[in-house]
């Protein structure tokens, strides 16, 4: 009996500092799911992430909860969907009174548990760099960081583009203090401005390739180089064996010149189907990687992963309990992965939110089950130029077979009404239950 009580105490207690894994969370910004060497891109070079993929569980079919940076990050942190944590878009009212209107949004958001606060309340040091929307790093529960509270991440956006020193100094400090650490590395890369080093741009500039495409390709490699700097530093310090590295992207991207056959007529429709802010694969899909030497084998996992799984996965790795209301799963739990049948997501207006009523600006709900993906169209409010992103779409739903058509070029809604009816009921039931 004493042995059982001791075992239960150890399970329930924060994991000992010398055993607790470090967590390095790498987040790229505006990068399509296809745009990596390890995902098969024939031109873009990402050697450091390719190497990481060889040491990771790679979920080639990963998804974010929302195809837009701010709500996407908020869902990763909380394990909740946008209509649960309240952040559905990047702004409340376009560019008007941003700081003032954000006060109640951030106040409500910070009432939710996060994996950041869970770790720091259990002995972790935590550093924020790069993209961070919800106030200062301290507001988010980090013990250290760069962002002071401005939109996007203010000073934090220097990471990767200008310097890596704050990150390496934090690692050194955590090692010196013999503390487990969480590192939030979310550089403003390959996000615009697309101003890569000339040496990289020269690699991708070639006859017949549009300038915006070459710049974007070079930005992807620049981001990869910064990841190499970080990962090499972990190796140099002998930390990789006790460090879980997680990689994900916030949402997709496509250069403007690739978006339309007829830019005058089809630009917004094509952009909606092929880039951020849309429920299509190039808005919502991302590879998700987890590397944790000695605790998992490197493999390409065919199951679907989602950003809401990050919180439960980190909590499990640290020997901690995630909130009971989370529906994400531990991505190292093969049984949970295999039993998952459906994943869901949301797409709302880009620069509008209605405080207290996230569904007021709802554009789409979507789900994937097996090979099928259903999009349900809604007509939520939007008062900015981004209303053009979806205004072309008057159909009530769209249906795609992702196995045969991963780039969603063939809408099968007209030929499979029975599938639409079944999945529509499933999406609406999910949305109703999760709002309660």
Protein backbone atom coordinates (compact mmCIF):
# COMPACT_ATOMS: atom_id res chain seq x y z
CA UNK A 1 0.00 0.00 0.00
CA UNK A 2 2.83 2.42 0.88
CA UNK A 3 4.44 1.66 -2.49
CA UNK A 4 1.17 2.40 -4.32
CA UNK A 5 0.69 5.69 -2.46
CA UNK A 6 4.26 6.73 -3.26
CA UNK A 7 3.74 5.89 -6.92
CA UNK A 8 0.53 7.93 -7.05
CA UNK A 9 2.31 10.84 -5.37
CA UNK A 10 5.08 10.78 -7.95
CA UNK A 11 2.59 10.66 -10.81
CA UNK A 12 0.60 13.58 -9.43
CA UNK A 13 3.58 15.71 -8.46
CA UNK A 14 5.48 18.03 -10.81
CA UNK A 15 8.19 16.02 -12.46
CA UNK A 16 11.62 16.44 -10.93
CA UNK A 17 13.78 19.13 -12.54
CA UNK A 18 16.48 16.68 -13.58
CA UNK A 19 13.87 14.49 -15.31
CA UNK A 20 11.58 17.11 -16.80
CA UNK A 21 12.10 17.50 -20.55
CA UNK A 22 12.86 20.87 -22.03
CA UNK A 23 10.25 21.97 -24.58
CA UNK A 24 11.31 23.84 -27.72
CA UNK A 25 8.31 25.06 -29.69
CA UNK A 26 9.17 26.19 -33.24
CA UNK A 27 6.47 28.06 -35.12
CA UNK A 28 6.83 29.27 -38.69
CA UNK A 29 4.65 32.08 -39.99
CA UNK A 30 2.79 32.02 -43.35
CA UNK A 31 4.19 28.92 -45.04
CA UNK A 32 2.25 26.46 -47.20
CA UNK A 33 2.19 22.80 -46.16
CA UNK A 34 4.01 21.80 -49.35
CA UNK A 35 6.91 24.23 -48.99
CA UNK A 36 9.67 22.15 -47.37
CA UNK A 37 12.25 19.73 -48.65
CA UNK A 38 10.95 16.96 -46.39
CA UNK A 39 7.44 17.52 -47.79
CA UNK A 40 8.72 17.04 -51.34
CA UNK A 41 9.07 20.57 -52.69
CA UNK A 42 11.33 20.39 -55.73
CA UNK A 43 12.85 23.87 -55.33
CA UNK A 44 12.70 25.13 -51.74
CA UNK A 45 15.68 24.01 -49.64
CA UNK A 46 15.11 23.37 -45.93
CA UNK A 47 18.05 21.15 -44.90
CA UNK A 48 17.78 21.80 -41.16
CA UNK A 49 14.09 21.01 -40.92
CA UNK A 50 14.70 18.03 -43.20
CA UNK A 51 17.26 16.77 -40.68
CA UNK A 52 14.80 17.38 -37.85
CA UNK A 53 12.18 15.36 -39.73
CA UNK A 54 14.57 12.40 -39.77
CA UNK A 55 14.59 12.49 -35.95
CA UNK A 56 10.85 13.10 -35.54
CA UNK A 57 7.38 11.74 -35.73
CA UNK A 58 6.17 13.62 -38.79
CA UNK A 59 2.47 14.17 -39.31
CA UNK A 60 2.27 15.18 -42.95
CA UNK A 61 -1.43 15.84 -42.54
CA UNK A 62 -1.59 18.29 -39.66
CA UNK A 63 -4.13 21.10 -39.27
CA UNK A 64 -4.55 24.34 -37.39
CA UNK A 65 -7.84 25.24 -35.71
CA UNK A 66 -8.03 28.51 -37.65
CA UNK A 67 -6.15 29.58 -40.81
CA UNK A 68 -5.09 32.94 -39.42
CA UNK A 69 -2.17 33.78 -37.16
CA UNK A 70 -3.74 35.28 -34.03
CA UNK A 71 -6.60 32.80 -33.51
CA UNK A 72 -4.33 29.97 -34.66
CA UNK A 73 -1.74 30.76 -31.98
CA UNK A 74 -4.44 31.24 -29.36
CA UNK A 75 -5.75 27.73 -30.07
CA UNK A 76 -2.27 26.20 -29.87
CA UNK A 77 -1.68 27.80 -26.47
CA UNK A 78 -5.05 26.92 -24.92
CA UNK A 79 -6.04 23.74 -26.76
CA UNK A 80 -9.41 25.42 -27.47
CA UNK A 81 -11.20 26.41 -30.67
CA UNK A 82 -11.61 30.13 -31.49
CA UNK A 83 -15.30 30.23 -30.52
CA UNK A 84 -14.25 28.84 -27.11
CA UNK A 85 -11.33 31.16 -26.30
CA UNK A 86 -12.96 34.16 -28.02
CA UNK A 87 -10.24 35.18 -30.48
CA UNK A 88 -11.55 34.61 -33.99
CA UNK A 89 -9.65 37.27 -35.99
CA UNK A 90 -6.59 39.50 -35.88
CA UNK A 91 -8.46 42.67 -34.85
CA UNK A 92 -11.76 43.79 -33.34
CA UNK A 93 -12.55 46.54 -35.85
CA UNK A 94 -9.95 46.59 -38.59
CA UNK A 95 -7.23 49.14 -37.89
CA UNK A 96 -9.44 51.27 -35.64
CA UNK A 97 -8.48 51.74 -31.97
CA UNK A 98 -6.59 48.48 -31.92
CA UNK A 99 -4.99 48.78 -28.49
CA UNK A 100 -8.14 50.03 -26.77
CA UNK A 101 -10.50 47.48 -28.33
CA UNK A 102 -8.12 44.62 -27.57
CA UNK A 103 -8.23 45.14 -23.79
CA UNK A 104 -11.40 43.11 -23.08
CA UNK A 105 -10.42 40.47 -25.66
CA UNK A 106 -7.06 39.83 -24.00
CA UNK A 107 -8.52 39.97 -20.50
CA UNK A 108 -11.04 37.23 -21.36
CA UNK A 109 -8.44 35.15 -23.17
CA UNK A 110 -5.97 35.11 -20.28
CA UNK A 111 -8.55 33.53 -17.99
CA UNK A 112 -8.07 30.27 -19.87
CA UNK A 113 -5.36 27.79 -18.87
CA UNK A 114 -2.41 27.46 -21.25
CA UNK A 115 0.49 25.07 -21.57
CA UNK A 116 2.77 28.02 -20.84
CA UNK A 117 1.19 28.73 -17.46
CA UNK A 118 0.98 25.01 -16.68
CA UNK A 119 4.72 24.58 -17.18
CA UNK A 120 5.82 27.71 -15.34
CA UNK A 121 3.58 26.88 -12.38
CA UNK A 122 5.46 23.58 -12.18
CA UNK A 123 9.01 24.88 -12.08
CA UNK A 124 9.78 25.66 -15.73
CA UNK A 125 11.45 28.79 -17.02
CA UNK A 126 9.75 29.99 -20.20
CA UNK A 127 11.01 32.38 -22.87
CA UNK A 128 8.92 34.07 -25.56
CA UNK A 129 10.36 35.34 -28.82
CA UNK A 130 8.78 36.24 -32.13
CA UNK A 131 5.06 36.27 -32.81
CA UNK A 132 2.90 36.90 -29.73
CA UNK A 133 -0.37 38.80 -29.91
CA UNK A 134 -1.79 38.68 -26.40
CA UNK A 135 -0.03 41.47 -24.54
CA UNK A 136 3.46 41.20 -23.09
CA UNK A 137 5.35 37.98 -22.51
CA UNK A 138 4.48 38.32 -18.81
CA UNK A 139 0.78 38.55 -19.65
CA UNK A 140 1.13 35.20 -21.39
CA UNK A 141 2.69 33.53 -18.37
CA UNK A 142 6.29 33.46 -19.64
CA UNK A 143 9.04 34.11 -17.13
CA UNK A 144 11.26 35.73 -19.75
CA UNK A 145 10.72 37.15 -23.21
CA UNK A 146 10.89 39.95 -25.71
CA UNK A 147 7.39 41.18 -26.57
CA UNK A 148 6.17 44.17 -24.59
CA UNK A 149 2.53 44.14 -25.69
CA UNK A 150 2.34 45.52 -29.22
CA UNK A 151 0.50 44.00 -32.17
CA UNK A 152 2.14 40.93 -33.76
CA UNK A 153 4.92 40.86 -31.15
CA UNK A 154 6.78 44.23 -31.40
CA UNK A 155 10.40 43.78 -30.18
CA UNK A 156 9.99 40.01 -30.27
CA UNK A 157 9.89 40.12 -34.07
CA UNK A 158 13.63 40.83 -34.14
CA UNK A 159 14.30 37.18 -33.37
CA UNK A 160 15.64 35.28 -36.37
CA UNK A 161 15.63 38.31 -38.66
CA UNK A 162 18.05 40.38 -36.57
CA UNK A 163 19.46 38.21 -33.81
CA UNK A 164 19.36 34.84 -32.03
CA UNK A 165 21.13 36.08 -28.90
CA UNK A 166 18.07 36.39 -26.60
CA UNK A 167 17.29 32.73 -27.25
CA UNK A 168 20.80 31.39 -26.71
CA UNK A 169 21.30 33.53 -23.60
CA UNK A 170 18.06 32.18 -22.14
CA UNK A 171 19.17 28.60 -22.79
CA UNK A 172 22.49 29.30 -21.06
CA UNK A 173 20.71 30.80 -18.06
CA UNK A 174 18.29 27.87 -17.72
CA UNK A 175 21.18 25.41 -17.90
CA UNK A 176 23.12 27.35 -15.28
CA UNK A 177 20.11 27.37 -12.96
CA UNK A 178 19.49 23.67 -13.67
CA UNK A 179 15.88 24.41 -14.57
CA UNK A 180 13.73 22.76 -17.25
CA UNK A 181 12.71 25.29 -19.85
CA UNK A 182 10.10 26.12 -22.46
CA UNK A 183 11.34 28.03 -25.49
CA UNK A 184 8.72 29.71 -27.70
CA UNK A 185 10.53 30.39 -30.99
CA UNK A 186 8.08 32.01 -33.41
CA UNK A 187 10.11 34.25 -35.76
CA UNK A 188 8.34 36.52 -38.22
CA UNK A 189 9.48 34.17 -40.98
CA UNK A 190 8.79 33.51 -43.80
CA UNK A 191 6.09 36.18 -43.28
CA UNK A 192 6.22 39.47 -45.19
CA UNK A 193 8.18 41.65 -45.56
CA UNK A 194 9.83 39.24 -47.96
CA UNK A 195 13.33 40.70 -47.78
CA UNK A 196 15.67 37.70 -47.65
CA UNK A 197 19.47 37.97 -47.68
CA UNK A 198 20.73 38.63 -51.18
CA UNK A 199 22.78 35.42 -51.17
CA UNK A 200 19.57 33.41 -50.75
CA UNK A 201 17.53 35.44 -53.21
CA UNK A 202 20.15 34.83 -55.87
CA UNK A 203 19.64 31.07 -55.44
CA UNK A 204 15.95 31.33 -56.28
CA UNK A 205 15.91 34.07 -58.90
CA UNK A 206 15.67 32.43 -62.31
CA UNK A 207 14.17 33.13 -65.69
CA UNK A 208 10.46 32.45 -65.79
CA UNK A 209 9.95 32.57 -62.02
CA UNK A 210 7.97 35.52 -60.67
CA UNK A 211 9.84 37.84 -58.33
CA UNK A 212 7.39 37.40 -55.45
CA UNK A 213 7.74 33.63 -55.70
CA UNK A 214 11.56 33.83 -55.63
CA UNK A 215 11.44 36.11 -52.59
CA UNK A 216 9.07 33.79 -50.76
CA UNK A 217 11.17 30.70 -51.54
CA UNK A 218 14.25 32.47 -50.21
CA UNK A 219 12.38 33.45 -47.05
CA UNK A 220 11.52 29.80 -46.43
CA UNK A 221 15.20 28.89 -46.56
CA UNK A 222 16.10 31.85 -44.33
CA UNK A 223 13.65 30.60 -41.71
CA UNK A 224 15.19 27.13 -42.01
CA UNK A 225 18.68 28.56 -41.40
CA UNK A 226 17.53 30.15 -38.13
CA UNK A 227 16.06 26.82 -37.03
CA UNK A 228 19.45 25.27 -37.75
CA UNK A 229 21.13 27.83 -35.51
CA UNK A 230 18.77 27.00 -32.67
CA UNK A 231 18.93 23.21 -33.06
CA UNK A 232 22.71 23.23 -33.41
CA UNK A 233 22.94 25.23 -30.18
CA UNK A 234 20.91 22.61 -28.35
CA UNK A 235 23.31 19.96 -29.66
CA UNK A 236 26.33 22.04 -28.68
CA UNK A 237 25.03 22.29 -25.13
CA UNK A 238 24.23 18.56 -24.98
CA UNK A 239 20.52 19.19 -24.46
CA UNK A 240 18.85 17.32 -27.30
CA UNK A 241 18.42 14.00 -25.48
CA UNK A 242 16.22 15.64 -22.85
CA UNK A 243 14.45 18.10 -25.12
CA UNK A 244 11.16 17.71 -26.94
CA UNK A 245 11.17 19.79 -30.13
CA UNK A 246 7.77 20.55 -31.65
CA UNK A 247 7.35 22.16 -35.05
CA UNK A 248 4.18 23.60 -36.62
CA UNK A 249 3.15 26.52 -38.87
CA UNK A 250 0.39 28.99 -37.99
CA UNK A 251 -1.27 29.03 -41.42
CA UNK A 252 -0.53 28.66 -45.11
CA UNK A 253 0.63 31.06 -47.75
CA UNK A 254 0.84 31.57 -51.51
CA UNK A 255 2.52 34.33 -53.50
CA UNK A 256 0.07 36.62 -55.29
CA UNK A 257 1.39 35.80 -58.76
CA UNK A 258 0.50 32.13 -58.28
CA UNK A 259 -3.06 32.82 -57.25
CA UNK A 260 -5.01 33.50 -60.43
CA UNK A 261 -5.12 32.79 -64.13
CA UNK A 262 -6.93 36.09 -64.60
CA UNK A 263 -5.86 38.48 -61.84
CA UNK A 264 -8.59 40.97 -62.69
CA UNK A 265 -11.42 38.52 -62.15
CA UNK A 266 -10.21 35.61 -60.04
CA UNK A 267 -7.65 36.99 -57.62
CA UNK A 268 -9.71 36.91 -54.43
CA UNK A 269 -11.34 33.58 -55.22
CA UNK A 270 -8.00 31.96 -55.96
CA UNK A 271 -6.39 33.57 -52.92
CA UNK A 272 -9.19 32.24 -50.75
CA UNK A 273 -8.60 28.74 -52.03
CA UNK A 274 -4.84 28.80 -51.89
CA UNK A 275 -3.63 30.89 -48.97
CA UNK A 276 -4.06 32.13 -45.40
CA UNK A 277 -7.44 33.16 -44.13
CA UNK A 278 -9.21 30.33 -45.94
CA UNK A 279 -10.52 26.90 -44.88
CA UNK A 280 -8.84 25.20 -47.83
CA UNK A 281 -5.74 23.04 -47.38
CA UNK A 282 -3.34 25.85 -48.18
CA UNK A 283 -4.85 27.85 -45.35
CA UNK A 284 -5.32 25.17 -42.71
CA UNK A 285 -2.86 22.36 -43.36
CA UNK A 286 0.67 22.15 -41.93
CA UNK A 287 3.21 19.44 -41.21
CA UNK A 288 3.55 18.81 -37.48
CA UNK A 289 6.78 17.31 -36.13
CA UNK A 290 7.75 16.03 -32.70
CA UNK A 291 11.32 15.04 -31.85
CA UNK A 292 12.16 13.55 -28.44
CA UNK A 293 15.17 11.21 -28.54
CA UNK A 294 14.82 8.06 -26.49
CA UNK A 295 11.07 8.48 -26.06
CA UNK A 296 9.80 7.89 -29.60
CA UNK A 297 10.95 6.55 -32.95
CA UNK A 298 11.25 8.66 -36.07
CA UNK A 299 8.40 7.79 -38.41
CA UNK A 300 5.99 9.29 -40.93
CA UNK A 301 2.69 8.89 -39.12
CA UNK A 302 -0.32 8.61 -41.46
CA UNK A 303 -2.83 9.80 -38.85
CA UNK A 304 -4.19 13.33 -38.69
CA UNK A 305 -2.74 15.71 -36.09
CA UNK A 306 -4.07 19.11 -35.06
CA UNK A 307 -2.85 22.19 -33.27
CA UNK A 308 -5.25 21.62 -30.35
CA UNK A 309 -3.18 18.47 -29.62
CA UNK A 310 -0.09 20.47 -28.65
CA UNK A 311 -1.25 21.32 -25.11
CA UNK A 312 -2.12 17.69 -24.17
CA UNK A 313 1.10 16.44 -25.76
CA UNK A 314 3.32 18.88 -23.85
CA UNK A 315 1.47 18.23 -20.59
CA UNK A 316 1.89 14.47 -20.96
CA UNK A 317 5.60 14.80 -21.75
CA UNK A 318 6.12 16.90 -18.62
CA UNK A 319 4.17 14.46 -16.45
CA UNK A 320 1.41 17.00 -15.87
CA UNK A 321 -2.35 16.94 -16.33
CA UNK A 322 -4.03 19.06 -18.99
CA UNK A 323 -7.48 20.57 -18.38
CA UNK A 324 -10.34 18.09 -18.59
CA UNK A 325 -12.30 20.18 -21.12
CA UNK A 326 -9.66 19.83 -23.84
CA UNK A 327 -10.55 17.56 -26.75
CA UNK A 328 -7.07 17.36 -28.25
CA UNK A 329 -4.98 14.23 -27.79
CA UNK A 330 -1.44 13.34 -26.83
CA UNK A 331 0.29 12.90 -30.20
CA UNK A 332 2.58 10.26 -28.73
CA UNK A 333 -0.43 8.09 -27.88
CA UNK A 334 -0.81 5.72 -30.84
CA UNK A 335 -4.12 4.38 -29.61
CA UNK A 336 -5.66 7.83 -29.33
CA UNK A 337 -4.41 8.74 -32.80
CA UNK A 338 -5.79 5.59 -34.37
CA UNK A 339 -9.20 6.01 -32.73
CA UNK A 340 -9.70 9.60 -33.86
CA UNK A 341 -12.31 9.71 -36.62
CA UNK A 342 -12.86 13.39 -37.37
CA UNK A 343 -11.08 16.73 -37.02
CA UNK A 344 -12.81 20.10 -37.11
CA UNK A 345 -11.91 23.72 -37.71
CA UNK A 346 -13.14 27.28 -38.02
CA UNK A 347 -12.59 30.18 -40.43
CA UNK A 348 -13.80 33.69 -39.55
CA UNK A 349 -13.34 37.26 -40.75
CA UNK A 350 -9.70 38.35 -40.86
CA UNK A 351 -9.84 41.79 -39.22
CA UNK A 352 -13.14 41.80 -37.36
CA UNK A 353 -14.27 40.24 -34.08
CA UNK A 354 -17.43 40.77 -32.08
CA UNK A 355 -16.43 40.66 -28.43
CA UNK A 356 -18.45 38.00 -26.65
CA UNK A 357 -19.88 36.56 -29.88
CA UNK A 358 -17.14 34.96 -32.02
CA UNK A 359 -19.70 33.38 -34.37
CA UNK A 360 -20.89 36.83 -35.46
CA UNK A 361 -18.02 36.93 -37.98
CA UNK A 362 -18.04 33.22 -38.89
CA UNK A 363 -17.24 32.36 -42.52
CA UNK A 364 -16.79 28.57 -42.50
CA UNK A 365 -16.88 25.49 -40.34
CA UNK A 366 -15.10 22.45 -41.74
CA UNK A 367 -14.33 18.85 -40.94
CA UNK A 368 -12.23 15.99 -42.28
CA UNK A 369 -13.24 12.38 -41.89
CA UNK A 370 -11.29 9.71 -43.73
CA UNK A 371 -10.66 10.94 -47.26
CA UNK A 372 -13.49 13.49 -47.15
CA UNK A 373 -13.38 17.19 -46.33
CA UNK A 374 -16.56 19.25 -45.97
CA UNK A 375 -16.72 23.06 -45.88
CA UNK A 376 -19.89 24.71 -44.57
CA UNK A 377 -20.33 28.34 -45.64
CA UNK A 378 -21.59 31.04 -43.26
CA UNK A 379 -22.19 34.75 -43.85
CA UNK A 380 -20.58 36.33 -40.81
CA UNK A 381 -20.02 40.08 -40.67
CA UNK A 382 -16.94 41.64 -42.24
CA UNK A 383 -16.45 45.38 -42.73
CA UNK A 384 -12.89 45.43 -44.10
CA UNK A 385 -11.38 44.84 -47.53
CA UNK A 386 -10.91 41.21 -46.54
CA UNK A 387 -14.62 40.60 -47.07
CA UNK A 388 -13.59 40.08 -50.71
CA UNK A 389 -11.72 36.99 -49.57
CA UNK A 390 -14.96 35.03 -49.32
CA UNK A 391 -17.66 37.14 -50.97
CA UNK A 392 -17.38 35.18 -54.22
CA UNK A 393 -18.48 32.00 -52.47
CA UNK A 394 -22.27 31.72 -52.55
CA UNK A 395 -22.45 27.91 -52.32
CA UNK A 396 -23.69 26.54 -48.97
CA UNK A 397 -21.04 23.81 -48.88
CA UNK A 398 -18.10 22.21 -50.70
CA UNK A 399 -16.89 18.61 -50.61
CA UNK A 400 -13.47 17.24 -51.57
CA UNK A 401 -11.77 13.85 -51.61
CA UNK A 402 -8.35 14.75 -50.21
CA UNK A 403 -6.77 11.42 -51.03
CA UNK A 404 -7.47 11.85 -54.73
CA UNK A 405 -7.49 15.64 -54.78
CA UNK A 406 -5.22 17.11 -52.05
CA UNK A 407 -5.25 20.56 -53.66
CA UNK A 408 -9.06 20.70 -53.76
CA UNK A 409 -9.59 21.36 -57.43
CA UNK A 410 -12.65 19.13 -57.90
CA UNK A 411 -15.71 20.00 -55.79
CA UNK A 412 -17.82 16.85 -55.41
CA UNK A 413 -20.72 18.40 -53.50
CA UNK A 414 -23.25 17.82 -56.28
CA UNK A 415 -22.50 14.10 -56.61
CA UNK A 416 -22.40 13.04 -52.94
CA UNK A 417 -25.41 14.53 -51.10
CA UNK A 418 -25.45 11.63 -48.61
CA UNK A 419 -21.89 12.39 -47.48
CA UNK A 420 -22.68 16.08 -47.17
CA UNK A 421 -25.76 15.38 -45.08
CA UNK A 422 -23.86 13.07 -42.71
CA UNK A 423 -20.85 15.34 -42.25
CA UNK A 424 -22.97 18.48 -42.00
CA UNK A 425 -24.84 17.00 -39.03
CA UNK A 426 -21.54 16.04 -37.47
CA UNK A 427 -20.05 19.53 -37.85
CA UNK A 428 -23.13 21.28 -36.51
CA UNK A 429 -23.32 18.94 -33.52
CA UNK A 430 -19.62 19.50 -32.75
CA UNK A 431 -20.00 23.27 -32.98
CA UNK A 432 -23.09 23.29 -30.78
CA UNK A 433 -21.56 21.12 -28.07
CA UNK A 434 -18.23 22.94 -27.98
CA UNK A 435 -19.95 26.32 -27.57
CA UNK A 436 -21.82 25.16 -24.46
